[in-house]
Amino acid sequence: MTDAPLIVTSDLSVGFRTGSGLFGKALLKAVDHVSLDIRKGSFFGLVGESGSGKTTLGRALLKAVPMTGGTARFRDGEVDYDLTTLSGPSLKDYRKRAQLIFQDPYAALSPRMTVRDIIAEPLEVMGLTKTREETDARVRAIAAKCRLNLEHLRRFPHAFSGGQRQRISIARALVSGPKFIVADESVAALDVSIQADVLNLLKELQRDLQITFLFISHDLSVVAHTCDHVAVMYLGRLVESAPTRRVFAAPRHPYTKALFSAIPSLDPDDRGRGQKLTGEIPSPTNQPPGCKFHTRCPYTIARCRTEEPALEHPGDGHEVACHRWRELQETTVA
């Protein structure tokens, strides 16, 4: 992994006009002023509850949804793309460099195509190969890296288990030789016994092919197993970001601590000790003033209800957006 960032965003926002009313359509703020760096060759984790904006952020970085504010850049050493204005031939080239692994392996594959044709489709659509022999060679090479053999390539998706289908999806995403992969809950639909196998495959591919992953998940135990860096989102905002070991050793934001409390423990003495989240995540179209988390936070004070905290950079690589994080950290240590 290098220190150079592959993806850099600054105050990136994504909003959608939804519904109708007396004063016009309401604005749904799916991603709200997010600034982050994703380092080359890293396995970057993005966590949060459903509705926190994780998937929308990932799709914005793939240019699958329009950005409504801020900036985002992609620099892989060969190209430097401004993703907010990318279009035409440059956007077509970016599609080769950035790909998506879908969440549901059962819905992501066409039942009418063989595995060979599914994996080969990006090569043919993007014009990356000139002959069928060249296409077949590329397909066989990436299939082997994803633990698929020649017999698998002749079959249809219905003949495979969920874990095998996800390996097919991974092969399809990698066949164009991308530098950046968004894995959106890519093991959430799999049995626990299969999840570790797919995660280990992704880590192996990351090392061998020097790919940068944005790994979107709601499962912190999965993130701990795979990711180098973790960013936590809540209601479209980034509330904490740090190297994985630092976040798990000493989380600073109350929301992150609550997410950790939700991880099941085998120790009966630990049950019931964690910080519990009450209530539901607020509507993105009717967000509370001040800190977005104050309606569910047990440490809320008057300032939290009126003033939104900025993402602080204390200088140790651990960023946090909370008015009271220093005070709460001292209390925890004491």
Protein backbone atom coordinates (compact mmCIF):
# COMPACT_ATOMS: atom_id res chain seq x y z
CA MET A 1 0.00 0.00 0.00
CA THR A 2 1.26 3.48 -0.85
CA ASP A 3 0.61 6.81 0.86
CA ALA A 4 -0.66 8.37 -2.38
CA PRO A 5 -4.46 8.67 -2.54
CA LEU A 6 -6.33 7.08 -5.43
CA ILE A 7 -9.64 8.78 -4.60
CA VAL A 8 -9.90 12.22 -2.97
CA THR A 9 -13.23 13.84 -2.14
CA SER A 10 -13.84 17.28 -0.66
CA ASP A 11 -17.29 18.26 0.66
CA LEU A 12 -18.87 15.72 -1.70
CA SER A 13 -22.67 15.84 -1.66
CA VAL A 14 -25.37 13.82 -3.39
CA GLY A 15 -29.01 14.90 -3.15
CA PHE A 16 -32.26 13.79 -4.75
CA ARG A 17 -35.52 15.66 -5.20
CA THR A 18 -38.29 13.44 -3.96
CA GLY A 19 -42.07 13.67 -3.58
CA SER A 20 -44.06 16.85 -3.98
CA GLY A 21 -45.61 19.39 -1.72
CA LEU A 22 -47.00 22.88 -1.40
CA PHE A 23 -43.52 24.42 -1.63
CA GLY A 24 -42.05 22.00 -4.18
CA LYS A 25 -40.21 18.73 -3.91
CA ALA A 26 -38.23 17.87 -0.77
CA LEU A 27 -34.45 17.43 -0.97
CA LEU A 28 -33.12 14.08 0.25
CA LYS A 29 -29.51 14.53 1.37
CA ALA A 30 -28.06 11.07 0.82
CA VAL A 31 -24.42 12.21 1.07
CA ASP A 32 -23.72 15.46 2.87
CA HIS A 33 -20.30 17.19 2.60
CA VAL A 34 -18.10 14.08 2.83
CA SER A 35 -14.33 14.54 2.62
CA LEU A 36 -12.07 11.48 2.56
CA ASP A 37 -8.94 10.02 0.98
CA ILE A 38 -8.77 6.40 -0.22
CA ARG A 39 -5.14 5.33 -0.50
CA LYS A 40 -3.82 3.28 -3.42
CA GLY A 41 -3.75 -0.42 -2.68
CA SER A 42 -5.81 -0.06 0.50
CA PHE A 43 -8.86 -1.98 1.68
CA PHE A 44 -11.02 0.95 2.81
CA GLY A 45 -14.08 0.12 4.92
CA LEU A 46 -17.25 2.21 4.99
CA VAL A 47 -19.74 1.31 7.72
CA GLY A 48 -23.05 2.54 9.09
CA GLU A 49 -26.70 1.61 9.47
CA SER A 50 -29.08 1.24 6.54
CA GLY A 51 -29.94 4.72 5.31
CA SER A 52 -26.60 6.24 6.29
CA GLY A 53 -25.58 6.94 2.67
CA LYS A 54 -22.86 4.28 2.23
CA THR A 55 -24.15 2.83 -1.02
CA THR A 56 -24.90 6.24 -2.52
CA LEU A 57 -21.35 7.41 -1.78
CA GLY A 58 -19.93 4.29 -3.43
CA ARG A 59 -22.10 4.74 -6.51
CA ALA A 60 -21.19 8.44 -6.71
CA LEU A 61 -17.50 7.49 -6.84
CA LEU A 62 -18.35 5.13 -9.71
CA LYS A 63 -20.25 7.92 -11.53
CA ALA A 64 -23.45 5.88 -11.26
CA VAL A 65 -25.36 8.71 -9.55
CA PRO A 66 -24.88 12.47 -10.09
CA MET A 67 -22.97 14.54 -7.55
CA THR A 68 -24.69 17.74 -6.46
CA GLY A 69 -21.84 19.44 -4.62
CA GLY A 70 -18.18 19.28 -3.72
CA THR A 71 -15.40 17.59 -5.66
CA ALA A 72 -14.02 14.09 -6.23
CA ARG A 73 -10.82 13.15 -8.05
CA PHE A 74 -9.37 9.85 -9.29
CA ARG A 75 -5.58 9.63 -9.73
CA ASP A 76 -3.99 6.27 -10.53
CA GLY A 77 -0.66 7.48 -11.90
CA GLU A 78 -1.85 7.27 -15.50
CA VAL A 79 -4.87 9.58 -15.46
CA ASP A 80 -6.19 12.40 -13.29
CA TYR A 81 -9.98 12.61 -13.55
CA ASP A 82 -12.33 15.15 -11.98
CA LEU A 83 -15.29 12.85 -11.31
CA THR A 84 -17.72 15.73 -10.91
CA THR A 85 -17.39 16.72 -14.58
CA LEU A 86 -16.27 13.44 -16.17
CA SER A 87 -18.06 12.60 -19.42
CA GLY A 88 -17.58 11.30 -22.96
CA PRO A 89 -14.47 9.23 -23.81
CA SER A 90 -12.92 9.93 -20.40
CA LEU A 91 -15.97 8.47 -18.65
CA LYS A 92 -15.80 5.40 -20.90
CA ASP A 93 -12.14 4.96 -19.94
CA TYR A 94 -13.01 5.40 -16.25
CA ARG A 95 -15.49 2.51 -16.50
CA LYS A 96 -12.51 0.24 -17.22
CA ARG A 97 -10.68 1.50 -14.15
CA ALA A 98 -13.56 1.44 -11.62
CA GLN A 99 -15.97 -1.47 -11.15
CA LEU A 100 -18.67 -2.68 -8.76
CA ILE A 101 -19.28 -6.01 -7.01
CA PHE A 102 -23.00 -6.27 -6.31
CA GLN A 103 -24.53 -7.37 -3.02
CA ASP A 104 -26.83 -10.14 -4.25
CA PRO A 105 -25.04 -12.77 -6.36
CA TYR A 106 -28.39 -14.36 -7.26
CA ALA A 107 -29.81 -11.20 -8.87
CA ALA A 108 -26.55 -9.92 -10.39
CA LEU A 109 -26.07 -12.66 -12.99
CA SER A 110 -28.17 -13.25 -16.10
CA PRO A 111 -29.71 -16.76 -16.00
CA ARG A 112 -29.61 -16.95 -19.81
CA MET A 113 -25.83 -16.54 -20.16
CA THR A 114 -23.05 -19.02 -19.48
CA VAL A 115 -20.40 -18.09 -16.94
CA ARG A 116 -17.92 -17.59 -19.78
CA ASP A 117 -20.23 -15.08 -21.49
CA ILE A 118 -20.98 -13.29 -18.22
CA ILE A 119 -17.29 -12.73 -17.48
CA ALA A 120 -16.49 -11.87 -21.11
CA GLU A 121 -19.26 -9.27 -21.48
CA PRO A 122 -17.26 -6.28 -20.10
CA LEU A 123 -14.38 -7.07 -22.47
CA GLU A 124 -16.71 -7.11 -25.46
CA VAL A 125 -18.74 -4.04 -24.46
CA MET A 126 -15.61 -1.97 -23.71
CA GLY A 127 -13.73 -3.25 -26.77
CA LEU A 128 -10.76 -4.43 -24.71
CA THR A 129 -10.08 -7.51 -26.86
CA LYS A 130 -9.98 -7.92 -30.62
CA THR A 131 -10.53 -11.65 -31.10
CA ARG A 132 -12.50 -14.41 -29.41
CA GLU A 133 -9.25 -16.21 -28.62
CA GLU A 134 -7.92 -13.16 -26.79
CA THR A 135 -11.22 -12.81 -24.92
CA ASP A 136 -11.20 -16.46 -23.90
CA ALA A 137 -7.62 -16.16 -22.66
CA ARG A 138 -8.50 -13.17 -20.47
CA VAL A 139 -11.60 -14.93 -19.15
CA ARG A 140 -9.72 -18.11 -18.27
CA ALA A 141 -6.94 -16.16 -16.54
CA ILE A 142 -9.24 -14.14 -14.28
CA ALA A 143 -11.50 -17.16 -13.64
CA ALA A 144 -8.51 -19.10 -12.36
CA LYS A 145 -7.60 -16.25 -9.99
CA CYS A 146 -11.19 -16.38 -8.66
CA ARG A 147 -10.99 -20.19 -8.18
CA LEU A 148 -13.20 -21.09 -11.13
CA ASN A 149 -12.18 -23.86 -13.55
CA LEU A 150 -12.88 -24.50 -17.23
CA GLU A 151 -15.89 -26.71 -16.45
CA HIS A 152 -17.48 -23.83 -14.49
CA LEU A 153 -17.23 -21.55 -17.54
CA ARG A 154 -19.54 -23.82 -19.57
CA ARG A 155 -22.36 -23.79 -17.03
CA PHE A 156 -25.23 -21.40 -16.27
CA PRO A 157 -25.57 -19.47 -12.95
CA HIS A 158 -28.39 -21.66 -11.61
CA ALA A 159 -25.92 -24.55 -11.25
CA PHE A 160 -23.87 -22.70 -8.60
CA SER A 161 -24.11 -21.93 -4.89
CA GLY A 162 -24.18 -18.38 -3.53
CA GLY A 163 -20.44 -18.35 -2.82
CA GLN A 164 -19.62 -19.62 -6.31
CA ARG A 165 -21.92 -17.04 -7.89
CA GLN A 166 -20.19 -14.29 -5.96
CA ARG A 167 -16.82 -15.50 -7.29
CA ILE A 168 -18.31 -15.23 -10.79
CA SER A 169 -19.41 -11.65 -10.01
CA ILE A 170 -15.92 -10.86 -8.74
CA ALA A 171 -14.34 -12.28 -11.90
CA ARG A 172 -16.66 -10.17 -14.06
CA ALA A 173 -15.69 -7.03 -12.12
CA LEU A 174 -11.96 -7.76 -12.42
CA VAL A 175 -11.73 -8.88 -16.04
CA SER A 176 -11.32 -5.32 -17.37
CA GLY A 177 -8.27 -4.78 -15.14
CA PRO A 178 -9.71 -2.07 -12.83
CA LYS A 179 -7.70 -0.14 -10.27
CA PHE A 180 -10.69 0.63 -8.02
CA ILE A 181 -13.44 -1.74 -6.85
CA VAL A 182 -16.55 -0.87 -4.84
CA ALA A 183 -17.73 -3.98 -2.97
CA ASP A 184 -21.23 -3.11 -1.76
CA GLU A 185 -22.22 -5.53 1.02
CA SER A 186 -20.61 -8.22 -1.14
CA VAL A 187 -20.81 -10.95 1.52
CA ALA A 188 -24.02 -9.91 3.30
CA ALA A 189 -26.19 -12.34 1.31
CA LEU A 190 -23.90 -15.32 1.93
CA ASP A 191 -23.83 -17.89 4.70
CA VAL A 192 -21.36 -17.12 7.47
CA SER A 193 -19.34 -20.22 6.56
CA ILE A 194 -18.90 -18.90 3.01
CA GLN A 195 -18.23 -15.26 3.93
CA ALA A 196 -14.69 -15.93 5.19
CA ASP A 197 -13.79 -17.73 1.96
CA VAL A 198 -14.96 -14.81 -0.20
CA LEU A 199 -13.30 -12.22 2.05
CA ASN A 200 -10.00 -14.11 1.93
CA LEU A 201 -10.30 -14.23 -1.86
CA LEU A 202 -10.81 -10.46 -2.02
CA LYS A 203 -7.76 -9.86 0.18
CA GLU A 204 -5.69 -12.22 -1.98
CA LEU A 205 -6.79 -10.43 -5.16
CA GLN A 206 -6.04 -7.06 -3.60
CA ARG A 207 -2.46 -8.11 -2.86
CA ASP A 208 -1.84 -9.88 -6.17
CA LEU A 209 -3.44 -7.30 -8.48
CA GLN A 210 -2.74 -4.14 -6.42
CA ILE A 211 -6.40 -3.16 -6.45
CA THR A 212 -7.93 -0.53 -4.19
CA PHE A 213 -11.18 -1.60 -2.52
CA LEU A 214 -13.99 0.46 -1.06
CA PHE A 215 -15.70 -2.16 1.10
CA ILE A 216 -19.21 -1.13 2.16
CA SER A 217 -20.69 -3.05 5.09
CA HIS A 218 -22.85 -2.81 8.18
CA ASP A 219 -20.96 -5.67 9.85
CA LEU A 220 -18.02 -4.40 11.91
CA SER A 221 -16.67 -7.89 12.54
CA VAL A 222 -16.28 -8.35 8.76
CA VAL A 223 -14.62 -4.95 8.45
CA ALA A 224 -12.15 -5.84 11.22
CA HIS A 225 -11.14 -8.95 9.28
CA THR A 226 -10.47 -7.23 5.96
CA CYS A 227 -10.01 -3.46 6.10
CA ASP A 228 -6.93 -1.30 6.65
CA HIS A 229 -8.93 1.87 7.30
CA VAL A 230 -12.51 2.46 8.47
CA ALA A 231 -14.84 5.41 7.92
CA VAL A 232 -18.17 5.61 9.76
CA MET A 233 -21.19 7.34 8.21
CA TYR A 234 -24.39 8.52 9.82
CA LEU A 235 -27.23 10.20 7.93
CA GLY A 236 -25.01 11.13 5.00
CA ARG A 237 -22.20 12.56 7.16
CA LEU A 238 -18.78 11.18 7.99
CA VAL A 239 -18.56 10.99 11.80
CA GLU A 240 -15.30 9.08 12.31
CA SER A 241 -12.37 7.88 10.21
CA ALA A 242 -9.14 6.14 11.26
CA PRO A 243 -6.95 3.07 10.69
CA THR A 244 -8.90 -0.06 11.61
CA ARG A 245 -6.80 -1.00 14.64
CA ARG A 246 -7.09 2.50 16.08
CA VAL A 247 -10.88 2.59 15.66
CA PHE A 248 -11.36 -0.82 17.26
CA ALA A 249 -8.94 -0.07 20.10
CA ALA A 250 -10.40 3.33 21.00
CA PRO A 251 -13.51 4.54 19.12
CA ARG A 252 -14.16 8.23 19.73
CA HIS A 253 -17.64 8.94 18.39
CA PRO A 254 -20.67 7.77 20.44
CA TYR A 255 -22.23 6.33 17.28
CA THR A 256 -19.17 4.21 16.55
CA LYS A 257 -19.17 2.96 20.15
CA ALA A 258 -22.82 2.00 19.80
CA LEU A 259 -22.07 0.07 16.61
CA PHE A 260 -19.32 -1.84 18.42
CA SER A 261 -21.76 -2.66 21.21
CA ALA A 262 -23.96 -4.42 18.67
CA ILE A 263 -21.24 -6.98 17.88
CA PRO A 264 -22.24 -10.25 19.60
CA SER A 265 -19.93 -11.39 22.39
CA LEU A 266 -19.31 -14.95 23.57
CA ASP A 267 -18.51 -13.66 27.05
CA PRO A 268 -21.72 -13.69 29.16
CA ASP A 269 -20.24 -11.02 31.45
CA ASP A 270 -20.10 -8.59 28.52
CA ARG A 271 -23.78 -8.84 27.70
CA GLY A 272 -25.77 -5.72 28.42
CA ARG A 273 -22.70 -3.58 29.11
CA GLY A 274 -22.54 -1.92 25.73
CA GLN A 275 -24.01 1.40 24.74
CA LYS A 276 -27.42 0.76 23.20
CA LEU A 277 -28.94 2.75 20.35
CA THR A 278 -32.54 3.78 20.82
CA GLY A 279 -34.91 5.10 18.18
CA GLU A 280 -34.58 5.08 14.41
CA ILE A 281 -32.25 6.98 12.11
CA PRO A 282 -33.99 10.28 11.17
CA SER A 283 -35.40 10.84 7.69
CA PRO A 284 -32.83 12.24 5.21
CA THR A 285 -35.50 14.67 4.00
CA ASN A 286 -36.16 16.04 7.51
CA GLN A 287 -32.82 16.06 9.27
CA PRO A 288 -32.50 17.38 12.82
CA PRO A 289 -30.55 20.61 13.40
CA GLY A 290 -27.10 20.57 14.97
CA CYS A 291 -25.41 17.20 15.32
CA LYS A 292 -27.38 14.66 13.26
CA PHE A 293 -26.86 12.03 15.97
CA HIS A 294 -28.10 14.10 18.91
CA THR A 295 -31.62 12.60 18.79
CA ARG A 296 -30.18 9.18 19.73
CA CYS A 297 -26.99 10.08 21.61
CA PRO A 298 -26.91 9.56 25.42
CA TYR A 299 -24.30 12.34 25.79
CA THR A 300 -26.27 15.15 24.11
CA ILE A 301 -25.90 18.69 25.48
CA ALA A 302 -27.49 21.97 24.36
CA ARG A 303 -24.66 22.71 21.92
CA CYS A 304 -25.26 19.41 20.11
CA ARG A 305 -28.86 20.42 19.33
CA THR A 306 -27.92 23.66 17.57
CA GLU A 307 -24.34 23.43 16.27
CA GLU A 308 -23.19 20.78 13.82
CA PRO A 309 -19.70 19.46 14.70
CA ALA A 310 -16.96 19.67 12.08
CA LEU A 311 -14.74 16.70 11.30
CA GLU A 312 -11.68 17.34 13.47
CA HIS A 313 -8.15 16.28 12.50
CA PRO A 314 -6.17 16.02 15.78
CA GLY A 315 -3.01 15.00 13.90
CA ASP A 316 -2.88 11.31 14.84
CA GLY A 317 -4.75 10.09 11.75
CA HIS A 318 -7.97 9.64 13.72
CA GLU A 319 -10.72 12.02 12.56
CA VAL A 320 -13.94 12.54 14.49
CA ALA A 321 -16.99 14.83 14.32
CA CYS A 322 -18.20 15.23 17.91
CA HIS A 323 -18.24 18.24 20.25
CA ARG A 324 -17.50 16.12 23.33
CA TRP A 325 -15.14 13.41 22.08
CA ARG A 326 -12.14 14.62 24.12
CA GLU A 327 -14.21 14.83 27.29
CA LEU A 328 -15.75 11.40 26.70
CA GLN A 329 -12.37 9.88 25.93
CA GLU A 330 -10.91 11.20 29.19
CA THR A 331 -13.90 9.80 31.08
CA THR A 332 -13.42 6.39 29.49
CA VAL A 333 -9.71 6.31 30.31
CA ALA A 334 -10.36 7.41 33.90
